[in-house]
Amino acid sequence: MPLPFFTNNTPSAAGTPFPYTLKVSARAKSARLKMMPHGGLVVVVPPGFDKKQIATLLLHHEAWIKKVSARFDAHRPDPLPLSAGGLPCTIDFPGFAESWSVTYKDRGSGEVELIEEQERTLLVSGDVADKALTQKLLSLWLKKRAQVHLLPALEKLAAAHGFSYTSAGVRLQHSRWGSCSSRRSITLNSKLLFLPDYLVRYIMVHELCHTVQMNHSRAFWSLVHQHDPLCQSNNREMKHAWKYVPSWLGQREL
């Protein structure tokens, strides 16, 4: 599913029945609603949309908004500790039994630097008050850890189950956990690091099976089941897997 190109981002107007974020997308054909795990309700509209219609749109979908909000609240885990600036104090990768503590040293100015110290401690120093820049630095570090963990795990899993692929890489995405191109090139989402090991394995099996079946046919799911007998329950759990991803990552894609 391609990601929309957002050209505007404004908070909700006063007097509307639910708080929301407005996003104007050049690719949107009509108004639609999305519920994001950490961003709440998002109203996506095409350019030129009459914003006076939004309140009516929200009232029309009131039952859906309440239902999805309640489901999100029920599945939202206890948050990890954050610094005063909303940045992580710890970063945990449960599927790989790895945990990092994060220390911030604000020097008020200068470039933000990240150093891996002993005992799995990250030191972030510089203008750490620049939250966007600090988030970007942590996100780039996350991609490097994903390369360290996810790619070797994929290679071992492929060898153990007789799959082959042409190449593999990692990205930081918010719409896909993984993908496989027609050339059998696999891309994994770095956010898989935050998931339990059995869900990480399921996503890898899913994408490896696409190297054989480039579809979601009955034959594809039969192949997935052959290599992951619990694929049905894992697939259901993946619908709520966003709950494992910490809020400090936001919606950044790298």
Protein backbone atom coordinates (compact mmCIF):
# COMPACT_ATOMS: atom_id res chain seq x y z
CA MET A 1 0.00 0.00 0.00
CA PRO A 2 1.66 3.28 -1.05
CA LEU A 3 2.02 6.01 1.51
CA PRO A 4 0.07 9.24 0.93
CA PHE A 5 1.89 12.50 0.35
CA PHE A 6 0.74 14.91 3.00
CA THR A 7 0.88 18.56 2.05
CA ASN A 8 -0.63 20.03 5.20
CA ASN A 9 -0.96 19.18 8.86
CA THR A 10 -3.19 21.24 11.11
CA PRO A 11 -4.94 20.54 14.43
CA SER A 12 -8.67 20.08 14.70
CA ALA A 13 -10.97 23.05 14.68
CA ALA A 14 -12.92 24.13 17.73
CA GLY A 15 -16.45 22.78 18.01
CA THR A 16 -15.87 19.44 16.32
CA PRO A 17 -17.12 16.33 18.16
CA PHE A 18 -13.70 14.60 18.33
CA PRO A 19 -10.11 15.87 18.42
CA TYR A 20 -8.32 15.09 15.18
CA THR A 21 -5.37 15.94 12.98
CA LEU A 22 -6.13 17.20 9.48
CA LYS A 23 -3.90 16.02 6.65
CA VAL A 24 -4.33 17.30 3.10
CA SER A 25 -3.19 14.66 0.62
CA ALA A 26 -2.70 15.30 -3.07
CA ARG A 27 -3.41 11.60 -3.63
CA ALA A 28 -6.73 11.52 -1.77
CA LYS A 29 -9.84 11.25 -3.95
CA SER A 30 -12.29 11.87 -1.11
CA ALA A 31 -12.30 12.43 2.64
CA ARG A 32 -11.47 9.44 4.83
CA LEU A 33 -10.72 8.71 8.47
CA LYS A 34 -7.75 6.87 9.96
CA MET A 35 -7.00 5.98 13.55
CA MET A 36 -3.28 5.96 14.33
CA PRO A 37 -1.90 4.11 17.37
CA HIS A 38 -0.01 7.12 18.70
CA GLY A 39 -1.43 9.95 16.61
CA GLY A 40 -5.13 9.46 17.31
CA LEU A 41 -7.82 10.30 14.77
CA VAL A 42 -6.60 11.58 11.40
CA VAL A 43 -8.88 13.13 8.77
CA VAL A 44 -7.38 12.84 5.28
CA VAL A 45 -8.87 15.15 2.65
CA PRO A 46 -8.00 16.11 -0.95
CA PRO A 47 -6.85 19.66 -1.76
CA GLY A 48 -9.73 22.13 -1.87
CA PHE A 49 -11.97 20.06 0.40
CA ASP A 50 -14.58 22.13 2.26
CA LYS A 51 -13.40 21.85 5.86
CA LYS A 52 -16.84 22.88 7.11
CA GLN A 53 -17.98 19.36 6.20
CA ILE A 54 -15.57 17.69 8.63
CA ALA A 55 -17.83 18.03 11.69
CA THR A 56 -20.66 16.31 9.79
CA LEU A 57 -18.25 13.60 8.62
CA LEU A 58 -17.15 12.90 12.20
CA LEU A 59 -20.71 12.75 13.49
CA HIS A 60 -21.65 10.34 10.70
CA HIS A 61 -18.81 7.99 11.73
CA GLU A 62 -19.18 8.56 15.48
CA ALA A 63 -19.86 4.88 16.27
CA TRP A 64 -16.80 3.73 14.30
CA ILE A 65 -14.55 6.32 15.96
CA LYS A 66 -15.64 5.29 19.46
CA LYS A 67 -15.33 1.58 18.66
CA VAL A 68 -11.82 1.83 17.23
CA SER A 69 -10.67 4.22 19.97
CA ALA A 70 -11.83 1.76 22.63
CA ARG A 71 -10.07 -1.12 20.88
CA PHE A 72 -6.83 0.86 20.65
CA ASP A 73 -7.03 1.77 24.34
CA ALA A 74 -7.61 -1.88 25.29
CA HIS A 75 -4.52 -3.04 23.40
CA ARG A 76 -2.21 -0.17 24.28
CA PRO A 77 0.62 -1.39 26.55
CA ASP A 78 2.08 0.47 29.49
CA PRO A 79 4.40 3.12 28.05
CA LEU A 80 8.15 2.88 28.43
CA PRO A 81 9.76 5.66 30.49
CA LEU A 82 10.44 8.82 28.53
CA SER A 83 12.60 11.82 29.22
CA ALA A 84 11.08 15.24 29.87
CA GLY A 85 11.35 15.93 26.15
CA GLY A 86 9.39 12.82 25.20
CA LEU A 87 12.50 10.91 24.13
CA PRO A 88 13.24 7.33 25.26
CA CYS A 89 15.17 6.52 28.44
CA THR A 90 15.33 2.86 27.42
CA ILE A 91 15.12 1.05 24.09
CA ASP A 92 14.20 -2.65 24.25
CA PHE A 93 14.38 -5.29 21.53
CA PRO A 94 12.54 -8.23 23.17
CA GLY A 95 12.90 -10.61 20.26
CA PHE A 96 16.67 -10.34 20.48
CA ALA A 97 17.02 -10.06 24.27
CA GLU A 98 18.67 -6.66 23.98
CA SER A 99 18.06 -3.54 26.05
CA TRP A 100 19.74 -0.14 25.88
CA SER A 101 19.61 2.75 28.32
CA VAL A 102 19.75 6.27 26.87
CA THR A 103 21.44 9.25 28.51
CA TYR A 104 21.05 12.80 27.22
CA LYS A 105 23.59 15.59 27.66
CA ASP A 106 22.23 18.93 26.46
CA ARG A 107 25.02 21.29 25.46
CA GLY A 108 22.59 23.90 24.20
CA SER A 109 24.01 24.10 20.71
CA GLY A 110 25.99 22.21 18.13
CA GLU A 111 25.26 19.02 16.25
CA VAL A 112 23.56 16.15 18.01
CA GLU A 113 25.87 13.15 18.42
CA LEU A 114 25.12 9.57 19.46
CA ILE A 115 27.79 7.33 20.96
CA GLU A 116 27.46 3.68 21.98
CA GLU A 117 29.11 3.31 25.36
CA GLN A 118 29.82 0.22 27.44
CA GLU A 119 27.05 -1.91 28.95
CA ARG A 120 24.61 -1.03 26.18
CA THR A 121 24.29 2.64 26.99
CA LEU A 122 23.66 5.33 24.40
CA LEU A 123 24.98 8.83 25.04
CA VAL A 124 23.17 11.50 23.06
CA SER A 125 24.80 14.92 23.34
CA GLY A 126 24.56 18.33 21.72
CA ASP A 127 21.41 20.33 21.08
CA VAL A 128 19.11 17.54 22.33
CA ALA A 129 16.35 20.14 22.82
CA ASP A 130 15.98 19.84 19.05
CA LYS A 131 13.62 16.89 19.38
CA ALA A 132 13.17 16.32 15.64
CA LEU A 133 16.92 16.09 15.06
CA THR A 134 17.42 13.83 18.08
CA GLN A 135 14.58 11.56 16.95
CA LYS A 136 16.15 11.31 13.50
CA LEU A 137 19.51 10.34 15.00
CA LEU A 138 17.91 7.64 17.16
CA SER A 139 15.94 6.40 14.16
CA LEU A 140 19.11 6.06 12.08
CA TRP A 141 20.73 4.15 14.94
CA LEU A 142 17.66 1.90 15.06
CA LYS A 143 18.12 1.07 11.37
CA LYS A 144 21.71 0.05 12.05
CA ARG A 145 20.60 -2.27 14.86
CA ALA A 146 17.99 -3.71 12.49
CA GLN A 147 20.73 -4.49 10.00
CA VAL A 148 22.69 -6.22 12.75
CA HIS A 149 19.77 -8.35 13.94
CA LEU A 150 17.11 -8.72 11.25
CA LEU A 151 19.20 -9.44 8.17
CA PRO A 152 21.27 -12.31 9.67
CA ALA A 153 18.09 -13.78 11.20
CA LEU A 154 16.39 -13.68 7.79
CA GLU A 155 19.38 -15.36 6.17
CA LYS A 156 19.41 -18.17 8.74
CA LEU A 157 15.66 -18.70 8.48
CA ALA A 158 15.82 -18.84 4.69
CA ALA A 159 18.62 -21.41 4.77
CA ALA A 160 16.82 -23.54 7.35
CA HIS A 161 13.62 -23.67 5.27
CA GLY A 162 15.08 -23.86 1.78
CA PHE A 163 14.22 -20.35 0.57
CA SER A 164 16.41 -18.03 -1.46
CA TYR A 165 16.19 -14.31 -2.23
CA THR A 166 18.26 -11.89 -4.27
CA SER A 167 18.82 -9.17 -1.67
CA ALA A 168 17.53 -7.88 1.65
CA GLY A 169 17.45 -4.52 3.37
CA VAL A 170 15.79 -2.60 6.18
CA ARG A 171 13.75 0.59 6.27
CA LEU A 172 11.80 2.50 8.89
CA GLN A 173 8.20 2.50 7.68
CA HIS A 174 4.73 3.03 9.13
CA SER A 175 2.55 1.14 6.67
CA ARG A 176 4.32 -2.18 6.07
CA TRP A 177 6.14 -4.69 8.24
CA GLY A 178 7.86 -6.19 5.23
CA SER A 179 7.72 -6.58 1.48
CA CYS A 180 9.07 -8.77 -1.30
CA SER A 181 9.52 -7.49 -4.84
CA SER A 182 9.02 -9.44 -8.05
CA ARG A 183 12.80 -9.75 -8.17
CA ARG A 184 12.71 -11.53 -4.80
CA SER A 185 14.24 -8.60 -2.95
CA ILE A 186 13.02 -8.48 0.66
CA THR A 187 12.64 -5.33 2.75
CA LEU A 188 12.01 -5.52 6.50
CA ASN A 189 10.70 -2.76 8.74
CA SER A 190 13.21 -1.79 11.44
CA LYS A 191 10.31 -1.56 13.89
CA LEU A 192 10.21 -5.37 13.91
CA LEU A 193 12.92 -5.07 16.58
CA PHE A 194 10.21 -4.07 19.05
CA LEU A 195 8.05 -7.16 18.41
CA PRO A 196 8.16 -10.56 20.15
CA ASP A 197 10.40 -13.09 18.43
CA TYR A 198 7.54 -15.27 17.15
CA LEU A 199 5.97 -12.31 15.32
CA VAL A 200 9.32 -11.32 13.82
CA ARG A 201 9.70 -14.89 12.59
CA TYR A 202 6.16 -14.87 11.17
CA ILE A 203 6.82 -11.73 9.12
CA MET A 204 10.06 -13.20 7.80
CA VAL A 205 8.34 -16.46 6.85
CA HIS A 206 5.56 -14.44 5.19
CA GLU A 207 8.01 -12.52 3.01
CA LEU A 208 10.12 -15.59 2.23
CA CYS A 209 6.99 -17.37 1.00
CA HIS A 210 6.45 -14.46 -1.38
CA THR A 211 9.69 -15.45 -3.12
CA VAL A 212 7.72 -18.51 -4.27
CA GLN A 213 4.15 -17.16 -4.41
CA MET A 214 3.89 -13.46 -5.31
CA ASN A 215 0.27 -13.23 -4.15
CA HIS A 216 -1.99 -14.07 -1.21
CA SER A 217 -3.63 -17.07 -2.84
CA ARG A 218 -4.62 -20.29 -1.11
CA ALA A 219 -1.33 -21.79 -2.29
CA PHE A 220 0.56 -18.94 -0.62
CA TRP A 221 -1.16 -19.38 2.74
CA SER A 222 -0.67 -23.13 2.53
CA LEU A 223 3.06 -22.52 2.11
CA VAL A 224 3.11 -20.09 5.04
CA HIS A 225 1.29 -22.64 7.22
CA GLN A 226 3.82 -25.28 6.24
CA HIS A 227 6.64 -23.17 7.68
CA ASP A 228 4.65 -21.52 10.49
CA PRO A 229 1.78 -23.72 11.77
CA LEU A 230 0.62 -20.85 14.00
CA CYS A 231 0.42 -18.39 11.12
CA GLN A 232 -3.31 -17.74 11.50
CA SER A 233 -3.06 -16.63 15.12
CA ASN A 234 0.14 -14.72 14.39
CA ASN A 235 -1.54 -12.95 11.49
CA ARG A 236 -4.41 -11.91 13.76
CA GLU A 237 -1.99 -10.62 16.38
CA MET A 238 -0.14 -8.58 13.77
CA LYS A 239 -3.26 -6.44 13.42
CA HIS A 240 -2.42 -5.04 16.85
CA ALA A 241 1.37 -5.24 16.58
CA TRP A 242 1.65 -1.44 16.47
CA LYS A 243 1.20 -1.52 20.24
CA TYR A 244 4.78 -2.71 20.62
CA VAL A 245 6.22 0.29 18.76
CA PRO A 246 7.18 3.19 21.07
CA SER A 247 5.54 6.55 20.52
CA TRP A 248 8.83 8.49 20.27
CA LEU A 249 9.37 7.06 16.77
CA GLY A 250 6.40 9.03 15.47
CA GLN A 251 5.53 8.49 11.78
CA ARG A 252 9.02 8.97 10.38
CA GLU A 253 9.98 6.94 7.33
CA LEU A 254 13.62 6.41 6.42
